[in-house]
PDB file of all heavy atoms in Angstrom:
ATOM      1  N   ARG A   1       0.824  -1.198   0.002  1.00  0.00           N
ATOM      2  CA  ARG A   1       0.005  -0.005   0.001  1.00  0.00           C
ATOM      3  C   ARG A   1       0.867   1.262   0.004  1.00  0.00           C
ATOM      4  O   ARG A   1       0.510   2.255  -0.606  1.00  0.00           O
ATOM      5  CB  ARG A   1      -0.928   0.004   1.241  1.00  0.00           C
ATOM      6  CG  ARG A   1      -2.000  -1.070   1.203  1.00  0.00           C
ATOM      7  CD  ARG A   1      -3.094  -0.779   2.190  1.00  0.00           C
ATOM      8  NE  ARG A   1      -2.608  -0.743   3.551  1.00  0.00           N
ATOM      9  CZ  ARG A   1      -2.548  -1.816   4.352  1.00  0.00           C
ATOM     10  NH1 ARG A   1      -2.942  -2.984   3.877  1.00  0.00           N
ATOM     11  NH2 ARG A   1      -2.113  -1.720   5.581  1.00  0.00           N
ATOM     12  N   LYS A   2       2.000   1.197   0.670  1.00  0.00           N
ATOM     13  CA  LYS A   2       2.886   2.359   0.740  1.00  0.00           C
ATOM     14  C   LYS A   2       3.601   2.579  -0.562  1.00  0.00           C
ATOM     15  O   LYS A   2       3.783   3.731  -1.000  1.00  0.00           O
ATOM     16  CB  LYS A   2       3.917   2.141   1.861  1.00  0.00           C
ATOM     17  CG  LYS A   2       4.733   3.357   2.162  1.00  0.00           C
ATOM     18  CD  LYS A   2       5.641   3.125   3.375  1.00  0.00           C
ATOM     19  CE  LYS A   2       6.484   4.376   3.694  1.00  0.00           C
ATOM     20  NZ  LYS A   2       7.362   4.130   4.872  1.00  0.00           N
ATOM     21  N   TYR A   3       4.033   1.481  -1.214  1.00  0.00           N
ATOM     22  CA  TYR A   3       4.731   1.573  -2.517  1.00  0.00           C
ATOM     23  C   TYR A   3       3.956   0.685  -3.521  1.00  0.00           C
ATOM     24  O   TYR A   3       4.309  -0.482  -3.711  1.00  0.00           O
ATOM     25  CB  TYR A   3       6.179   1.110  -2.384  1.00  0.00           C
ATOM     26  CG  TYR A   3       6.952   1.830  -1.323  1.00  0.00           C
ATOM     27  CD1 TYR A   3       7.326   1.189  -0.125  1.00  0.00           C
ATOM     28  CD2 TYR A   3       7.370   3.170  -1.486  1.00  0.00           C
ATOM     29  CE1 TYR A   3       8.050   1.850   0.835  1.00  0.00           C
ATOM     30  CE2 TYR A   3       8.076   3.805  -0.519  1.00  0.00           C
ATOM     31  CZ  TYR A   3       8.416   3.162   0.641  1.00  0.00           C
ATOM     32  OH  TYR A   3       9.144   3.809   1.621  1.00  0.00           O
ATOM     33  N   PRO A   4       2.937   1.227  -4.180  1.00  0.00           N
ATOM     34  CA  PRO A   4       2.057   0.437  -5.028  1.00  0.00           C
ATOM     35  C   PRO A   4       2.777  -0.285  -6.168  1.00  0.00           C
ATOM     36  O   PRO A   4       2.329  -1.339  -6.597  1.00  0.00           O
ATOM     37  CB  PRO A   4       1.085   1.498  -5.602  1.00  0.00           C
ATOM     38  CG  PRO A   4       1.149   2.617  -4.601  1.00  0.00           C
ATOM     39  CD  PRO A   4       2.528   2.635  -4.087  1.00  0.00           C
ATOM     40  N   ASN A   5       3.900   0.259  -6.637  1.00  0.00           N
ATOM     41  CA  ASN A   5       4.582  -0.344  -7.777  1.00  0.00           C
ATOM     42  C   ASN A   5       5.704  -1.301  -7.388  1.00  0.00           C
ATOM     43  O   ASN A   5       6.302  -1.981  -8.219  1.00  0.00           O
ATOM     44  CB  ASN A   5       5.167   0.737  -8.683  1.00  0.00           C
ATOM     45  CG  ASN A   5       4.101   1.640  -9.273  1.00  0.00           C
ATOM     46  OD1 ASN A   5       3.007   1.166  -9.614  1.00  0.00           O
ATOM     47  ND2 ASN A   5       4.386   2.918  -9.387  1.00  0.00           N
ATOM     48  N   ALA A   6       5.997  -1.374  -6.077  1.00  0.00           N
ATOM     49  CA  ALA A   6       7.142  -2.189  -5.627  1.00  0.00           C
ATOM     50  C   ALA A   6       6.905  -3.689  -5.864  1.00  0.00           C
ATOM     51  O   ALA A   6       7.839  -4.434  -6.106  1.00  0.00           O
ATOM     52  CB  ALA A   6       7.394  -1.927  -4.131  1.00  0.00           C
ATOM     53  N   ALA A   7       5.638  -4.126  -5.806  1.00  0.00           N
ATOM     54  CA  ALA A   7       5.352  -5.561  -5.946  1.00  0.00           C
ATOM     55  C   ALA A   7       5.722  -6.101  -7.296  1.00  0.00           C
ATOM     56  O   ALA A   7       5.990  -7.308  -7.446  1.00  0.00           O
ATOM     57  CB  ALA A   7       3.870  -5.812  -5.678  1.00  0.00           C
ATOM     58  N   THR A   8       5.790  -5.257  -8.295  1.00  0.00           N
ATOM     59  CA  THR A   8       6.167  -5.693  -9.637  1.00  0.00           C
ATOM     60  C   THR A   8       7.550  -5.192 -10.040  1.00  0.00           C
ATOM     61  O   THR A   8       7.923  -5.238 -11.220  1.00  0.00           O
ATOM     62  CB  THR A   8       5.112  -5.208 -10.667  1.00  0.00           C
ATOM     63  OG1 THR A   8       4.990  -3.793 -10.588  1.00  0.00           O
ATOM     64  CG2 THR A   8       3.788  -5.864 -10.416  1.00  0.00           C
ATOM     65  N   ASP A   9       8.295  -4.709  -9.068  1.00  0.00           N
ATOM     66  CA  ASP A   9       9.659  -4.216  -9.315  1.00  0.00           C
ATOM     67  C   ASP A   9      10.646  -5.368  -9.271  1.00  0.00           C
ATOM     68  O   ASP A   9      10.551  -6.250  -8.417  1.00  0.00           O
ATOM     69  CB  ASP A   9      10.015  -3.153  -8.260  1.00  0.00           C
ATOM     70  CG  ASP A   9      11.277  -2.373  -8.639  1.00  0.00           C
ATOM     71  OD1 ASP A   9      12.362  -2.963  -8.562  1.00  0.00           O
ATOM     72  OD2 ASP A   9      11.146  -1.206  -9.026  1.00  0.00           O
ATOM     73  N   TRP A  10      11.643  -5.346 -10.125  1.00  0.00           N
ATOM     74  CA  TRP A  10      12.656  -6.404 -10.212  1.00  0.00           C
ATOM     75  C   TRP A  10      13.409  -6.574  -8.894  1.00  0.00           C
ATOM     76  O   TRP A  10      13.718  -7.688  -8.474  1.00  0.00           O
ATOM     77  CB  TRP A  10      13.617  -6.157 -11.341  1.00  0.00           C
ATOM     78  CG  TRP A  10      14.918  -6.881 -11.348  1.00  0.00           C
ATOM     79  CD1 TRP A  10      16.176  -6.391 -11.250  1.00  0.00           C
ATOM     80  CD2 TRP A  10      15.080  -8.309 -11.456  1.00  0.00           C
ATOM     81  NE1 TRP A  10      17.112  -7.401 -11.283  1.00  0.00           N
ATOM     82  CE2 TRP A  10      16.459  -8.594 -11.411  1.00  0.00           C
ATOM     83  CE3 TRP A  10      14.186  -9.386 -11.549  1.00  0.00           C
ATOM     84  CZ2 TRP A  10      16.988  -9.891 -11.458  1.00  0.00           C
ATOM     85  CZ3 TRP A  10      14.706 -10.685 -11.629  1.00  0.00           C
ATOM     86  CH2 TRP A  10      16.079 -10.916 -11.582  1.00  0.00           C
ATOM     87  N   ALA A  11      13.686  -5.458  -8.229  1.00  0.00           N
ATOM     88  CA  ALA A  11      14.486  -5.508  -7.002  1.00  0.00           C
ATOM     89  C   ALA A  11      13.824  -6.338  -5.888  1.00  0.00           C
ATOM     90  O   ALA A  11      14.511  -6.908  -5.047  1.00  0.00           O
ATOM     91  CB  ALA A  11      14.754  -4.096  -6.511  1.00  0.00           C
ATOM     92  N   TRP A  12      12.492  -6.402  -5.889  1.00  0.00           N
ATOM     93  CA  TRP A  12      11.786  -7.074  -4.845  1.00  0.00           C
ATOM     94  C   TRP A  12      11.518  -8.552  -5.129  1.00  0.00           C
ATOM     95  O   TRP A  12      10.968  -9.274  -4.296  1.00  0.00           O
ATOM     96  CB  TRP A  12      10.442  -6.400  -4.534  1.00  0.00           C
ATOM     97  CG  TRP A  12      10.593  -5.153  -3.706  1.00  0.00           C
ATOM     98  CD1 TRP A  12      10.720  -3.864  -4.162  1.00  0.00           C
ATOM     99  CD2 TRP A  12      10.640  -5.087  -2.293  1.00  0.00           C
ATOM    100  NE1 TRP A  12      10.844  -3.010  -3.106  1.00  0.00           N
ATOM    101  CE2 TRP A  12      10.793  -3.725  -1.930  1.00  0.00           C
ATOM    102  CE3 TRP A  12      10.558  -6.036  -1.267  1.00  0.00           C
ATOM    103  CZ2 TRP A  12      10.889  -3.307  -0.597  1.00  0.00           C
ATOM    104  CZ3 TRP A  12      10.663  -5.626   0.054  1.00  0.00           C
ATOM    105  CH2 TRP A  12      10.825  -4.272   0.380  1.00  0.00           C
ATOM    106  N   GLN A  13      11.893  -9.022  -6.309  1.00  0.00           N
ATOM    107  CA  GLN A  13      11.613 -10.400  -6.685  1.00  0.00           C
ATOM    108  C   GLN A  13      12.452 -11.392  -5.885  1.00  0.00           C
ATOM    109  O   GLN A  13      13.574 -11.091  -5.501  1.00  0.00           O
ATOM    110  CB  GLN A  13      11.875 -10.603  -8.183  1.00  0.00           C
ATOM    111  CG  GLN A  13      11.016  -9.734  -9.084  1.00  0.00           C
ATOM    112  CD  GLN A  13       9.532 -10.014  -8.936  1.00  0.00           C
ATOM    113  OE1 GLN A  13       9.118 -11.153  -9.010  1.00  0.00           O
ATOM    114  NE2 GLN A  13       8.757  -8.942  -8.723  1.00  0.00           N
ATOM    115  N   TYR A  14      11.869 -12.551  -5.612  1.00  0.00           N
ATOM    116  CA  TYR A  14      12.635 -13.619  -4.946  1.00  0.00           C
ATOM    117  C   TYR A  14      13.730 -14.136  -5.889  1.00  0.00           C
ATOM    118  O   TYR A  14      13.473 -14.331  -7.078  1.00  0.00           O
ATOM    119  CB  TYR A  14      11.724 -14.775  -4.561  1.00  0.00           C
ATOM    120  CG  TYR A  14      10.772 -14.458  -3.438  1.00  0.00           C
ATOM    121  CD1 TYR A  14       9.398 -14.435  -3.641  1.00  0.00           C
ATOM    122  CD2 TYR A  14      11.244 -14.216  -2.149  1.00  0.00           C
ATOM    123  CE1 TYR A  14       8.515 -14.156  -2.595  1.00  0.00           C
ATOM    124  CE2 TYR A  14      10.371 -13.942  -1.102  1.00  0.00           C
ATOM    125  CZ  TYR A  14       9.027 -13.901  -1.329  1.00  0.00           C
ATOM    126  OH  TYR A  14       8.183 -13.609  -0.289  1.00  0.00           O
ATOM    127  N   ILE A  15      14.924 -14.353  -5.335  1.00  0.00           N
ATOM    128  CA  ILE A  15      16.021 -14.869  -6.166  1.00  0.00           C
ATOM    129  C   ILE A  15      15.733 -16.308  -6.535  1.00  0.00           C
ATOM    130  O   ILE A  15      16.053 -16.753  -7.662  1.00  0.00           O
ATOM    131  CB  ILE A  15      17.352 -14.769  -5.383  1.00  0.00           C
ATOM    132  CG1 ILE A  15      17.751 -13.297  -5.187  1.00  0.00           C
ATOM    133  CG2 ILE A  15      18.465 -15.526  -6.107  1.00  0.00           C
ATOM    134  CD1 ILE A  15      19.006 -13.091  -4.426  1.00  0.00           C
ATOM    135  N   PHE A  16      15.130 -17.061  -5.621  1.00  0.00           N
ATOM    136  CA  PHE A  16      14.833 -18.468  -5.894  1.00  0.00           C
ATOM    137  C   PHE A  16      13.306 -18.648  -5.909  1.00  0.00           C
ATOM    138  O   PHE A  16      12.683 -18.933  -4.875  1.00  0.00           O
ATOM    139  CB  PHE A  16      15.474 -19.352  -4.832  1.00  0.00           C
ATOM    140  CG  PHE A  16      16.956 -19.175  -4.720  1.00  0.00           C
ATOM    141  CD1 PHE A  16      17.536 -18.538  -3.630  1.00  0.00           C
ATOM    142  CD2 PHE A  16      17.808 -19.638  -5.727  1.00  0.00           C
ATOM    143  CE1 PHE A  16      18.911 -18.370  -3.535  1.00  0.00           C
ATOM    144  CE2 PHE A  16      19.179 -19.467  -5.682  1.00  0.00           C
ATOM    145  CZ  PHE A  16      19.738 -18.838  -4.583  1.00  0.00           C
ATOM    146  N   PRO A  17      12.703 -18.444  -7.081  1.00  0.00           N
ATOM    147  CA  PRO A  17      11.234 -18.472  -7.159  1.00  0.00           C
ATOM    148  C   PRO A  17      10.678 -19.888  -7.313  1.00  0.00           C
ATOM    149  O   PRO A  17      11.379 -20.829  -7.686  1.00  0.00           O
ATOM    150  CB  PRO A  17      10.948 -17.646  -8.419  1.00  0.00           C
ATOM    151  CG  PRO A  17      12.112 -17.954  -9.308  1.00  0.00           C
ATOM    152  CD  PRO A  17      13.307 -18.109  -8.377  1.00  0.00           C
ATOM    153  N   SER A  18       9.421 -19.995  -7.069  1.00  0.00           N
ATOM    154  CA  SER A  18       8.712 -21.251  -7.310  1.00  0.00           C
ATOM    155  C   SER A  18       8.571 -21.489  -8.802  1.00  0.00           C
ATOM    156  O   SER A  18       8.549 -20.539  -9.588  1.00  0.00           O
ATOM    157  CB  SER A  18       7.325 -21.208  -6.636  1.00  0.00           C
ATOM    158  OG  SER A  18       6.553 -22.307  -7.035  1.00  0.00           O
ATOM    159  N   GLY A  19       8.449 -22.718  -9.180  1.00  0.00           N
ATOM    160  CA  GLY A  19       8.284 -23.044 -10.609  1.00  0.00           C
ATOM    161  C   GLY A  19       6.879 -22.821 -11.102  1.00  0.00           C
ATOM    162  O   GLY A  19       6.625 -22.953 -12.293  1.00  0.00           O
ATOM    163  N   SER A  20       5.945 -22.496 -10.229  1.00  0.00           N
ATOM    164  CA  SER A  20       4.557 -22.279 -10.620  1.00  0.00           C
ATOM    165  C   SER A  20       3.941 -21.195  -9.755  1.00  0.00           C
ATOM    166  O   SER A  20       4.497 -20.756  -8.760  1.00  0.00           O
ATOM    167  CB  SER A  20       3.772 -23.576 -10.496  1.00  0.00           C
ATOM    168  OG  SER A  20       3.806 -24.046  -9.176  1.00  0.00           O
ATOM    169  N   PHE A  21       2.726 -20.795 -10.132  1.00  0.00           N
ATOM    170  CA  PHE A  21       1.989 -19.784  -9.371  1.00  0.00           C
ATOM    171  C   PHE A  21       1.155 -20.454  -8.292  1.00  0.00           C
ATOM    172  O   PHE A  21       0.786 -21.623  -8.438  1.00  0.00           O
ATOM    173  CB  PHE A  21       1.068 -18.956 -10.283  1.00  0.00           C
ATOM    174  CG  PHE A  21       1.830 -18.149 -11.312  1.00  0.00           C
ATOM    175  CD1 PHE A  21       1.978 -18.634 -12.609  1.00  0.00           C
ATOM    176  CD2 PHE A  21       2.374 -16.941 -10.980  1.00  0.00           C
ATOM    177  CE1 PHE A  21       2.683 -17.909 -13.536  1.00  0.00           C
ATOM    178  CE2 PHE A  21       3.058 -16.180 -11.927  1.00  0.00           C
ATOM    179  CZ  PHE A  21       3.226 -16.678 -13.209  1.00  0.00           C
ATOM    180  N   SER A  22       0.878 -19.731  -7.209  1.00  0.00           N
ATOM    181  CA  SER A  22       0.062 -20.285  -6.141  1.00  0.00           C
ATOM    182  C   SER A  22      -0.794 -19.172  -5.546  1.00  0.00           C
ATOM    183  O   SER A  22      -0.557 -17.995  -5.766  1.00  0.00           O
ATOM    184  CB  SER A  22       0.938 -20.929  -5.057  1.00  0.00           C
ATOM    185  OG  SER A  22       1.846 -19.966  -4.533  1.00  0.00           O
ATOM    186  N   ILE A  23      -1.779 -19.575  -4.763  1.00  0.00           N
ATOM    187  CA  ILE A  23      -2.699 -18.633  -4.126  1.00  0.00           C
ATOM    188  C   ILE A  23      -2.187 -18.265  -2.750  1.00  0.00           C
ATOM    189  O   ILE A  23      -1.917 -19.159  -1.919  1.00  0.00           O
ATOM    190  CB  ILE A  23      -4.122 -19.197  -4.006  1.00  0.00           C
ATOM    191  CG1 ILE A  23      -4.658 -19.635  -5.392  1.00  0.00           C
ATOM    192  CG2 ILE A  23      -5.061 -18.213  -3.365  1.00  0.00           C
ATOM    193  CD1 ILE A  23      -4.820 -18.477  -6.368  1.00  0.00           C
ATOM    194  N   ASP A  24      -2.032 -16.975  -2.492  1.00  0.00           N
ATOM    195  CA  ASP A  24      -1.617 -16.528  -1.169  1.00  0.00           C
ATOM    196  C   ASP A  24      -2.717 -16.827  -0.181  1.00  0.00           C
ATOM    197  O   ASP A  24      -3.861 -16.361  -0.348  1.00  0.00           O
ATOM    198  CB  ASP A  24      -1.357 -15.009  -1.202  1.00  0.00           C
ATOM    199  CG  ASP A  24      -0.716 -14.480   0.082  1.00  0.00           C
ATOM    200  OD1 ASP A  24      -1.171 -14.898   1.164  1.00  0.00           O
ATOM    201  OD2 ASP A  24       0.223 -13.657  -0.006  1.00  0.00           O
ATOM    202  N   PRO A  25      -2.439 -17.619   0.883  1.00  0.00           N
ATOM    203  CA  PRO A  25      -3.512 -18.046   1.790  1.00  0.00           C
ATOM    204  C   PRO A  25      -4.119 -16.871   2.594  1.00  0.00           C
ATOM    205  O   PRO A  25      -5.228 -17.011   3.112  1.00  0.00           O
ATOM    206  CB  PRO A  25      -2.822 -19.030   2.724  1.00  0.00           C
ATOM    207  CG  PRO A  25      -1.382 -18.704   2.636  1.00  0.00           C
ATOM    208  CD  PRO A  25      -1.138 -18.193   1.223  1.00  0.00           C
ATOM    209  N   ARG A  26      -3.428 -15.773   2.702  1.00  0.00           N
ATOM    210  CA  ARG A  26      -3.955 -14.642   3.459  1.00  0.00           C
ATOM    211  C   ARG A  26      -4.720 -13.658   2.592  1.00  0.00           C
ATOM    212  O   ARG A  26      -5.797 -13.194   2.942  1.00  0.00           O
ATOM    213  CB  ARG A  26      -2.816 -13.915   4.199  1.00  0.00           C
ATOM    214  CG  ARG A  26      -2.289 -14.673   5.415  1.00  0.00           C
ATOM    215  CD  ARG A  26      -1.223 -13.927   6.148  1.00  0.00           C
ATOM    216  NE  ARG A  26      -0.873 -14.591   7.403  1.00  0.00           N
ATOM    217  CZ  ARG A  26       0.106 -14.158   8.217  1.00  0.00           C
ATOM    218  NH1 ARG A  26       0.847 -13.106   7.896  1.00  0.00           N
ATOM    219  NH2 ARG A  26       0.352 -14.812   9.358  1.00  0.00           N
ATOM    220  N   SER A  27      -4.131 -13.302   1.442  1.00  0.00           N
ATOM    221  CA  SER A  27      -4.770 -12.297   0.582  1.00  0.00           C
ATOM    222  C   SER A  27      -5.619 -12.894  -0.495  1.00  0.00           C
ATOM    223  O   SER A  27      -6.499 -12.218  -1.077  1.00  0.00           O
ATOM    224  CB  SER A  27      -3.694 -11.391  -0.042  1.00  0.00           C
ATOM    225  OG  SER A  27      -2.887 -12.171  -0.947  1.00  0.00           O
ATOM    226  N   GLY A  28      -5.383 -14.178  -0.823  1.00  0.00           N
ATOM    227  CA  GLY A  28      -6.115 -14.806  -1.915  1.00  0.00           C
ATOM    228  C   GLY A  28      -5.627 -14.438  -3.289  1.00  0.00           C
ATOM    229  O   GLY A  28      -6.224 -14.815  -4.297  1.00  0.00           O
ATOM    230  N   VAL A  29      -4.479 -13.718  -3.367  1.00  0.00           N
ATOM    231  CA  VAL A  29      -3.934 -13.274  -4.645  1.00  0.00           C
ATOM    232  C   VAL A  29      -3.069 -14.377  -5.242  1.00  0.00           C
ATOM    233  O   VAL A  29      -2.296 -15.039  -4.529  1.00  0.00           O
ATOM    234  CB  VAL A  29      -3.093 -12.011  -4.457  1.00  0.00           C
ATOM    235  CG1 VAL A  29      -2.429 -11.588  -5.772  1.00  0.00           C
ATOM    236  CG2 VAL A  29      -3.935 -10.885  -3.892  1.00  0.00           C
TER     237      VAL A  29
END
């Protein structure tokens, strides 16, 4: 909420990502 564009910024990405997408159990995203 504080930085709306940070979630799609390269710097914030996990270095070791999952091989697939999943549903966040808290937000449902």
